Amino acid sequence: MGTRVRNRDQAELLRLLRDRGPLSRAELTDGLALSKSKVAVELERLGGTGLVEDAGRAASRGGRPSSLVRVGSDLRFAGIDIGATSVDVAVTDGALRVLRKVQHGIDVRSGPEEVLGTATALLRELCRSTGTTALAGIGAGVPGPVSFADGVAVVPPIMPGWDEYPVRQRLSAEFDCPALLDNDVNLMAAGEFHAGAARGLGTFLFVKLGTGVGAGIVVDGRVHRGVDGSAGDIGHIQVHDQGPVCACGNVGCLEAFFSGVALRRDATTAAEAGRSPFLAERLTTTGVLTGRDVADAAAAGDPVATGLIREGGRHVGEVVAKLVSFFNPSRIVIGGGLANLGDLLLAEVRSTVYHRSLPLATRNLPVVLTGLGDAAGVLGAVRMISDDVFSPNPVAG
């Protein structure tokens, strides 16, 4: 699929077919407020490139039934969501339906060569198993600040060796297709917008609570990255000037108070001090504690674990409340690995946000958990690259 989209009308047709198709020509005409002749002309042009194809007959609306149109059945996109401890890779069709998805454990600190080697090997295997001979584009995400225009991570605190590494260039060259790189939180936000807890919402915040903490900001259906790509880096907002040292080098960041790393630290301290018999026993058995162990302890009525989750939720809620009063989103979606802490965490975040924010900003503000879980990142990645491929002015080469 080497042919570029030629104009805005073609881009809108493709995106509508991706999100709602197959559709009849009449439905396309109604959905885009284009003339029948304009729709016919652009569909014929797109059909010649393989980007769209006929999909049988539509139900009659009176008179002769028209044919259905869909995104080309040979179109394939790939998503790569690199986290701190795992990588998710997926191949989808042109309508972004996942054909196959795999997850593999990694350590992002081992560097780009090893991690990308694993990711690309997984992608090649997925291409083989799905019969994919060519990709229309690859979307990728990493857990650190990204210069979106350059396709590189920039001084990422938990990713030694990744600074300015040409991730986008490498993926594009290896698979001979356009590629884009973004922060993983932005991809999760895009995924929730496409098919998750914020589907179709124009303006919302996605808050990732995992090994790190960040926010994806969606405005009028588009991810807001800021001038240099660092918008939403809420994990490094200072909660208290006497707090623990953060991975970024500053003191008292939200991420240092509550994140996957911080929760393991505090749970281990409580277990070793004998304050939580449940966590102490689990530590003895497994040798290391995780967020799941804390969730299990809280579910068993352990007061220390319950306190850790509630305290973390309050810290998150205090930061998010400031964002709500400033930004006035229509919804807050909580995702990432720590979202598995469930309703106890959600309730604390929600109550703090409602208490700390202006009443006008919260009277119609749902605060909810992710609708996609760990699939949000890869789905957002393919949404991002498909938006770019289905554009007359793509960012990717």
Protein backbone atom coordinates (compact mmCIF):
# COMPACT_ATOMS: atom_id res chain seq x y z
CA MET A 1 0.00 0.00 0.00
CA GLY A 2 2.55 2.55 -1.09
CA THR A 3 0.06 5.10 -2.43
CA ARG A 4 -0.49 8.16 -0.30
CA VAL A 5 -3.87 9.66 0.53
CA ARG A 6 -4.29 12.54 -1.88
CA ASN A 7 -6.67 14.89 -0.08
CA ARG A 8 -8.72 15.55 3.03
CA ASP A 9 -11.89 13.95 1.62
CA GLN A 10 -10.05 10.67 1.04
CA ALA A 11 -8.67 10.83 4.57
CA GLU A 12 -12.12 11.33 6.05
CA LEU A 13 -13.57 8.49 3.98
CA LEU A 14 -10.87 6.09 5.14
CA ARG A 15 -11.19 7.03 8.80
CA LEU A 16 -14.96 6.68 8.70
CA LEU A 17 -14.68 3.26 7.07
CA ARG A 18 -12.03 2.25 9.61
CA ASP A 19 -14.20 3.26 12.56
CA ARG A 20 -17.70 2.35 11.30
CA GLY A 21 -17.41 0.31 8.11
CA PRO A 22 -18.40 -1.44 5.99
CA LEU A 23 -20.73 1.35 4.84
CA SER A 24 -22.82 2.05 1.80
CA ARG A 25 -22.11 4.96 -0.48
CA ALA A 26 -25.28 6.60 0.81
CA GLU A 27 -24.08 6.25 4.41
CA LEU A 28 -20.71 7.72 3.47
CA THR A 29 -22.44 10.61 1.77
CA ASP A 30 -24.57 11.27 4.86
CA GLY A 31 -21.73 10.79 7.34
CA LEU A 32 -19.33 13.20 5.66
CA ALA A 33 -21.75 15.70 4.13
CA LEU A 34 -20.16 15.15 0.71
CA SER A 35 -21.97 14.95 -2.61
CA LYS A 36 -22.68 11.55 -4.12
CA SER A 37 -20.47 12.37 -7.07
CA LYS A 38 -17.57 13.41 -4.82
CA VAL A 39 -17.84 10.21 -2.79
CA ALA A 40 -17.94 8.14 -5.99
CA VAL A 41 -14.88 9.84 -7.45
CA GLU A 42 -12.77 9.49 -4.30
CA LEU A 43 -13.80 5.89 -3.72
CA GLU A 44 -12.80 5.00 -7.25
CA ARG A 45 -9.39 6.59 -6.70
CA LEU A 46 -8.92 4.84 -3.38
CA GLY A 47 -10.05 1.55 -4.85
CA GLY A 48 -7.32 1.79 -7.44
CA THR A 49 -4.72 1.85 -4.65
CA GLY A 50 -6.22 -1.06 -2.70
CA LEU A 51 -7.06 1.17 0.27
CA VAL A 52 -10.78 0.42 -0.12
CA GLU A 53 -12.79 -2.37 -1.74
CA ASP A 54 -16.37 -3.51 -2.30
CA ALA A 55 -17.97 -5.57 0.46
CA GLY A 56 -21.22 -6.81 -1.04
CA ARG A 57 -24.64 -5.24 -1.26
CA ALA A 58 -26.16 -2.83 1.26
CA ALA A 59 -29.75 -3.05 2.47
CA SER A 60 -32.09 -1.15 0.19
CA ARG A 61 -33.18 2.32 1.23
CA GLY A 62 -35.77 2.36 -1.52
CA GLY A 63 -34.91 1.62 -5.10
CA ARG A 64 -31.80 -0.12 -6.27
CA PRO A 65 -29.52 -1.12 -3.36
CA SER A 66 -25.99 0.25 -3.38
CA SER A 67 -22.83 -1.68 -2.61
CA LEU A 68 -21.00 -1.65 0.68
CA VAL A 69 -17.44 -0.35 0.90
CA ARG A 70 -14.77 -1.29 3.42
CA VAL A 71 -11.12 -0.64 4.11
CA GLY A 72 -8.91 -2.87 1.95
CA SER A 73 -8.79 -6.39 3.36
CA ASP A 74 -5.04 -6.69 2.76
CA LEU A 75 -4.22 -3.62 4.83
CA ARG A 76 -2.21 -4.38 7.98
CA PHE A 77 -0.98 -2.23 10.86
CA ALA A 78 1.30 -3.13 13.76
CA GLY A 79 1.50 -1.80 17.30
CA ILE A 80 4.43 -2.11 19.69
CA ASP A 81 3.91 -1.00 23.30
CA ILE A 82 7.16 -1.11 25.26
CA GLY A 83 6.77 -0.90 29.02
CA ALA A 84 9.26 -1.03 31.83
CA THR A 85 8.94 -4.79 32.30
CA SER A 86 7.06 -6.10 29.24
CA VAL A 87 6.39 -5.45 25.58
CA ASP A 88 3.07 -5.96 23.82
CA VAL A 89 3.02 -6.45 20.05
CA ALA A 90 -0.06 -6.74 17.84
CA VAL A 91 -1.00 -6.94 14.15
CA THR A 92 -4.39 -5.61 13.08
CA ASP A 93 -6.37 -5.30 9.88
CA GLY A 94 -7.25 -1.95 8.34
CA ALA A 95 -10.27 -1.57 10.64
CA LEU A 96 -7.92 -2.03 13.62
CA ARG A 97 -9.32 -5.42 14.58
CA VAL A 98 -6.56 -7.32 16.36
CA LEU A 99 -5.54 -10.40 14.38
CA ARG A 100 -2.93 -11.52 16.88
CA LYS A 101 -1.34 -10.05 19.99
CA VAL A 102 1.51 -11.27 22.19
CA GLN A 103 3.16 -10.08 25.37
CA HIS A 104 6.75 -10.81 26.37
CA GLY A 105 8.73 -9.93 29.46
CA ILE A 106 11.61 -7.47 29.03
CA ASP A 107 13.67 -5.06 31.10
CA VAL A 108 13.65 -1.68 29.40
CA ARG A 109 16.91 -0.85 31.21
CA SER A 110 18.71 -3.45 29.11
CA GLY A 111 18.79 -0.92 26.29
CA PRO A 112 17.28 -0.37 22.85
CA GLU A 113 19.23 -3.01 20.96
CA GLU A 114 18.05 -5.88 23.13
CA VAL A 115 14.49 -4.63 23.67
CA LEU A 116 13.86 -3.67 20.05
CA GLY A 117 15.45 -6.93 18.95
CA THR A 118 12.86 -8.78 21.01
CA ALA A 119 10.01 -6.58 19.78
CA THR A 120 10.90 -6.90 16.10
CA ALA A 121 11.35 -10.67 16.41
CA LEU A 122 7.86 -10.91 17.93
CA LEU A 123 6.45 -8.75 15.16
CA ARG A 124 8.02 -10.86 12.43
CA GLU A 125 6.52 -13.97 13.98
CA LEU A 126 3.10 -12.31 14.13
CA CYS A 127 3.41 -11.31 10.49
CA ARG A 128 4.22 -14.91 9.57
CA SER A 129 1.37 -16.36 11.60
CA THR A 130 -1.20 -13.90 10.19
CA GLY A 131 -0.02 -14.16 6.59
CA THR A 132 1.06 -10.51 6.58
CA THR A 133 3.53 -9.82 3.80
CA ALA A 134 3.64 -6.04 4.13
CA LEU A 135 2.73 -3.52 6.82
CA ALA A 136 1.04 -0.21 6.06
CA GLY A 137 2.60 1.27 9.19
CA ILE A 138 3.93 0.67 12.70
CA GLY A 139 3.01 2.62 15.82
CA ALA A 140 5.27 2.26 18.84
CA GLY A 141 5.43 3.59 22.37
CA VAL A 142 8.04 3.76 25.13
CA PRO A 143 7.75 4.62 28.84
CA GLY A 144 9.55 7.95 28.71
CA PRO A 145 9.55 11.44 27.20
CA VAL A 146 9.47 11.37 23.39
CA SER A 147 10.19 13.96 20.73
CA PHE A 148 7.29 13.01 18.47
CA ALA A 149 8.63 14.92 15.47
CA ASP A 150 12.02 13.19 15.68
CA GLY A 151 10.84 9.73 16.71
CA VAL A 152 13.29 9.43 19.63
CA ALA A 153 13.14 9.25 23.41
CA VAL A 154 14.73 12.23 25.16
CA VAL A 155 16.57 11.72 28.47
CA PRO A 156 14.09 9.08 29.71
CA PRO A 157 14.60 8.60 33.49
CA ILE A 158 14.04 4.82 33.59
CA MET A 159 15.52 3.98 30.17
CA PRO A 160 19.33 4.16 30.22
CA GLY A 161 20.85 3.99 26.75
CA TRP A 162 17.68 5.10 24.94
CA ASP A 163 18.37 8.83 24.80
CA GLU A 164 18.12 9.97 21.14
CA TYR A 165 18.17 6.36 19.90
CA PRO A 166 16.49 6.34 16.42
CA VAL A 167 13.59 4.03 17.28
CA ARG A 168 11.25 5.27 14.56
CA GLN A 169 13.97 5.17 11.92
CA ARG A 170 14.97 1.63 12.85
CA LEU A 171 11.42 0.27 12.74
CA SER A 172 10.67 2.00 9.45
CA ALA A 173 13.85 0.65 7.86
CA GLU A 174 13.44 -2.92 9.15
CA PHE A 175 9.86 -3.29 7.95
CA ASP A 176 9.96 -0.93 4.97
CA CYS A 177 6.92 1.09 6.07
CA PRO A 178 6.06 4.33 7.86
CA ALA A 179 6.55 4.31 11.63
CA LEU A 180 5.76 6.63 14.52
CA LEU A 181 6.99 6.74 18.12
CA ASP A 182 5.19 8.28 21.08
CA ASN A 183 5.08 8.15 24.84
CA ASP A 184 3.21 5.05 25.99
CA VAL A 185 0.69 7.08 27.96
CA ASN A 186 -0.37 9.00 24.86
CA LEU A 187 -0.92 5.68 23.10
CA MET A 188 -3.06 4.39 25.96
CA ALA A 189 -5.15 7.55 25.78
CA ALA A 190 -5.59 7.07 22.03
CA GLY A 191 -6.61 3.46 22.61
CA GLU A 192 -9.25 4.43 25.17
CA PHE A 193 -10.57 7.06 22.77
CA HIS A 194 -10.79 4.54 19.95
CA ALA A 195 -12.48 1.66 21.74
CA GLY A 196 -12.26 1.98 25.51
CA ALA A 197 -13.70 3.87 28.46
CA ALA A 198 -13.48 7.21 26.62
CA ARG A 199 -14.68 6.04 23.21
CA GLY A 200 -15.65 9.01 21.08
CA LEU A 201 -15.15 11.56 23.89
CA GLY A 202 -13.53 14.70 22.54
CA THR A 203 -11.82 15.93 25.71
CA PHE A 204 -10.59 13.74 28.56
CA LEU A 205 -7.57 12.76 30.65
CA PHE A 206 -6.03 9.30 30.80
CA VAL A 207 -3.90 8.73 33.90
CA LYS A 208 -1.42 5.85 33.79
CA LEU A 209 -0.35 4.40 37.13
CA GLY A 210 2.35 1.82 36.58
CA THR A 211 6.11 1.61 37.00
CA GLY A 212 5.89 5.31 36.18
CA VAL A 213 3.05 7.82 36.28
CA GLY A 214 1.84 10.01 33.44
CA ALA A 215 -1.21 11.50 31.77
CA GLY A 216 -2.50 11.44 28.22
CA ILE A 217 -4.39 14.60 27.29
CA VAL A 218 -7.02 14.38 24.55
CA VAL A 219 -8.51 17.61 23.20
CA ASP A 220 -11.15 17.59 20.47
CA GLY A 221 -10.31 13.99 19.68
CA ARG A 222 -6.57 14.57 19.31
CA VAL A 223 -3.71 13.77 21.67
CA HIS A 224 -2.16 16.98 22.96
CA ARG A 225 1.61 16.53 23.15
CA GLY A 226 2.71 20.11 23.82
CA VAL A 227 5.42 22.00 21.96
CA ASP A 228 8.20 19.47 22.58
CA GLY A 229 6.21 16.34 23.39
CA SER A 230 6.40 16.48 27.17
CA ALA A 231 2.78 17.39 27.96
CA GLY A 232 1.19 15.15 30.57
CA ASP A 233 4.35 14.30 32.50
CA ILE A 234 2.47 14.53 35.81
CA GLY A 235 4.60 11.90 37.52
CA HIS A 236 7.20 14.58 38.15
CA ILE A 237 4.89 17.15 39.69
CA GLN A 238 6.09 17.70 43.24
CA VAL A 239 3.74 16.43 45.93
CA HIS A 240 5.90 17.44 48.91
CA ASP A 241 9.31 19.09 49.15
CA GLN A 242 10.40 16.64 51.85
CA GLY A 243 9.47 13.47 49.98
CA PRO A 244 11.61 10.63 48.62
CA VAL A 245 14.10 11.13 45.80
CA CYS A 246 12.61 10.40 42.38
CA ALA A 247 14.28 8.60 39.46
CA CYS A 248 14.41 11.98 37.69
CA GLY A 249 16.68 13.33 40.42
CA ASN A 250 14.18 15.67 42.04
CA VAL A 251 12.61 15.26 45.46
CA GLY A 252 9.00 14.53 46.30
CA CYS A 253 7.56 13.81 42.83
CA LEU A 254 4.20 12.04 42.61
CA GLU A 255 5.95 9.07 41.02
CA ALA A 256 8.27 8.81 44.03
CA PHE A 257 5.29 8.72 46.38
CA PHE A 258 3.04 6.37 44.41
CA SER A 259 3.95 4.19 41.43
CA GLY A 260 4.74 0.55 40.86
CA VAL A 261 8.27 1.09 42.15
CA ALA A 262 7.16 3.16 45.14
CA LEU A 263 4.44 0.69 46.12
CA ARG A 264 6.90 -2.22 46.05
CA ARG A 265 9.32 -0.18 48.16
CA ASP A 266 6.72 0.71 50.79
CA ALA A 267 5.18 -2.77 50.85
CA THR A 268 8.61 -4.37 51.31
CA THR A 269 9.44 -1.97 54.12
CA ALA A 270 6.17 -2.82 55.87
CA ALA A 271 6.76 -6.56 55.44
CA GLU A 272 10.33 -6.45 56.72
CA ALA A 273 9.29 -4.37 59.72
CA GLY A 274 6.62 -6.91 60.63
CA ARG A 275 3.75 -4.42 60.26
CA SER A 276 1.94 -6.63 57.74
CA PRO A 277 1.93 -10.37 58.43
CA PHE A 278 0.28 -11.02 55.06
CA LEU A 279 2.95 -9.15 53.09
CA ALA A 280 5.71 -10.62 55.25
CA GLU A 281 4.54 -14.15 54.46
CA ARG A 282 4.19 -13.35 50.75
CA LEU A 283 7.69 -11.82 50.71
CA THR A 284 9.14 -14.92 52.32
CA THR A 285 7.42 -17.11 49.71
CA THR A 286 8.17 -15.11 46.55
CA GLY A 287 11.24 -13.08 47.48
CA VAL A 288 9.76 -9.91 45.94
CA LEU A 289 6.49 -8.03 46.32
CA THR A 290 4.31 -6.65 43.54
CA GLY A 291 1.21 -4.52 43.24
CA ARG A 292 -0.81 -7.74 42.94
CA ASP A 293 0.49 -8.82 46.37
CA VAL A 294 -0.65 -5.53 47.85
CA ALA A 295 -4.06 -5.93 46.20
CA ASP A 296 -4.36 -9.47 47.57
CA ALA A 297 -3.41 -8.26 51.04
CA ALA A 298 -5.99 -5.48 50.93
CA ALA A 299 -8.67 -7.92 49.73
CA ALA A 300 -7.81 -10.11 52.73
CA GLY A 301 -8.42 -7.16 55.06
CA ASP A 302 -4.80 -6.25 55.71
CA PRO A 303 -4.90 -2.68 57.12
CA VAL A 304 -1.35 -1.80 56.05
CA ALA A 305 -1.99 -2.72 52.41
CA THR A 306 -5.31 -0.89 52.49
CA GLY A 307 -3.55 2.16 53.88
CA LEU A 308 -0.86 2.08 51.18
CA ILE A 309 -3.48 2.01 48.43
CA ARG A 310 -5.58 4.76 49.99
CA GLU A 311 -2.59 7.00 50.63
CA GLY A 312 -1.41 6.50 47.06
CA GLY A 313 -4.88 7.25 45.74
CA ARG A 314 -4.97 10.49 47.71
CA HIS A 315 -1.64 11.62 46.26
CA VAL A 316 -2.83 10.86 42.75
CA GLY A 317 -6.17 12.55 43.39
CA GLU A 318 -4.52 15.72 44.66
CA VAL A 319 -2.47 16.09 41.49
CA VAL A 320 -5.37 15.15 39.20
CA ALA A 321 -7.64 17.63 40.99
CA LYS A 322 -5.32 20.46 39.98
CA LEU A 323 -5.49 19.27 36.38
CA VAL A 324 -9.28 19.08 36.51
CA SER A 325 -9.62 22.65 37.76
CA PHE A 326 -7.19 23.82 35.08
CA PHE A 327 -8.30 21.68 32.13
CA ASN A 328 -11.98 20.82 32.82
CA PRO A 329 -12.05 17.40 31.05
CA SER A 330 -15.21 15.41 30.40
CA ARG A 331 -13.81 12.23 31.95
CA ILE A 332 -10.84 10.83 33.87
CA VAL A 333 -9.74 7.31 32.92
CA ILE A 334 -7.34 5.46 35.23
CA GLY A 335 -5.15 2.77 33.64
CA GLY A 336 -1.76 1.11 33.88
CA GLY A 337 -0.68 -1.81 36.00
CA LEU A 338 -1.81 -0.26 39.28
CA ALA A 339 -5.35 0.09 37.95
CA ASN A 340 -5.57 -3.57 38.98
CA LEU A 341 -5.74 -2.31 42.56
CA GLY A 342 -9.35 -1.76 41.60
CA ASP A 343 -12.19 -0.01 43.33
CA LEU A 344 -10.28 0.81 46.52
CA LEU A 345 -7.79 2.91 44.56
CA LEU A 346 -10.47 4.34 42.28
CA ALA A 347 -12.66 5.41 45.19
CA GLU A 348 -9.80 7.28 46.85
CA VAL A 349 -8.78 9.05 43.64
CA ARG A 350 -12.40 9.92 42.87
CA SER A 351 -13.24 11.28 46.32
CA THR A 352 -10.07 13.38 46.44
CA VAL A 353 -10.71 14.83 42.99
CA TYR A 354 -14.30 15.68 43.87
CA HIS A 355 -13.26 17.22 47.17
CA ARG A 356 -10.31 19.24 45.85
CA SER A 357 -11.64 20.45 42.48
CA LEU A 358 -14.12 23.21 41.73
CA PRO A 359 -17.76 22.04 41.82
CA LEU A 360 -18.41 23.33 38.32
CA ALA A 361 -15.57 21.15 36.97
CA THR A 362 -16.72 17.97 38.71
CA ARG A 363 -20.52 18.02 38.59
CA ASN A 364 -20.49 16.02 35.33
CA LEU A 365 -17.08 14.34 35.68
CA PRO A 366 -16.91 10.53 35.77
CA VAL A 367 -13.69 9.02 37.11
CA VAL A 368 -13.46 5.45 35.79
CA LEU A 369 -11.06 2.56 35.29
CA THR A 370 -9.65 1.61 31.89
CA GLY A 371 -11.92 -0.26 29.52
CA LEU A 372 -9.05 -1.96 27.67
CA GLY A 373 -6.54 -3.02 30.30
CA ASP A 374 -3.11 -3.85 28.89
CA ALA A 375 -4.44 -3.75 25.32
CA ALA A 376 -4.85 0.05 25.41
CA GLY A 377 -1.26 0.75 24.38
CA VAL A 378 -1.06 -1.41 21.26
CA LEU A 379 -4.54 -0.38 20.14
CA GLY A 380 -3.58 3.27 20.58
CA ALA A 381 -0.39 2.63 18.62
CA VAL A 382 -2.25 1.31 15.58
CA ARG A 383 -4.82 4.09 15.90
CA MET A 384 -1.98 6.63 15.83
CA ILE A 385 -0.21 5.20 12.78
CA SER A 386 -3.46 4.60 10.89
CA ASP A 387 -4.47 8.23 11.47
CA ASP A 388 -1.15 9.21 9.95
CA VAL A 389 -1.34 6.81 7.00
CA PHE A 390 -4.90 7.98 6.37
CA SER A 391 -3.73 11.58 6.15
CA PRO A 392 -2.78 13.76 3.17
CA ASN A 393 0.04 15.24 5.28
CA PRO A 394 1.60 12.35 7.18
CA VAL A 395 4.27 12.84 9.84
CA ALA A 396 5.89 9.46 9.17
CA GLY A 397 8.16 9.20 6.13
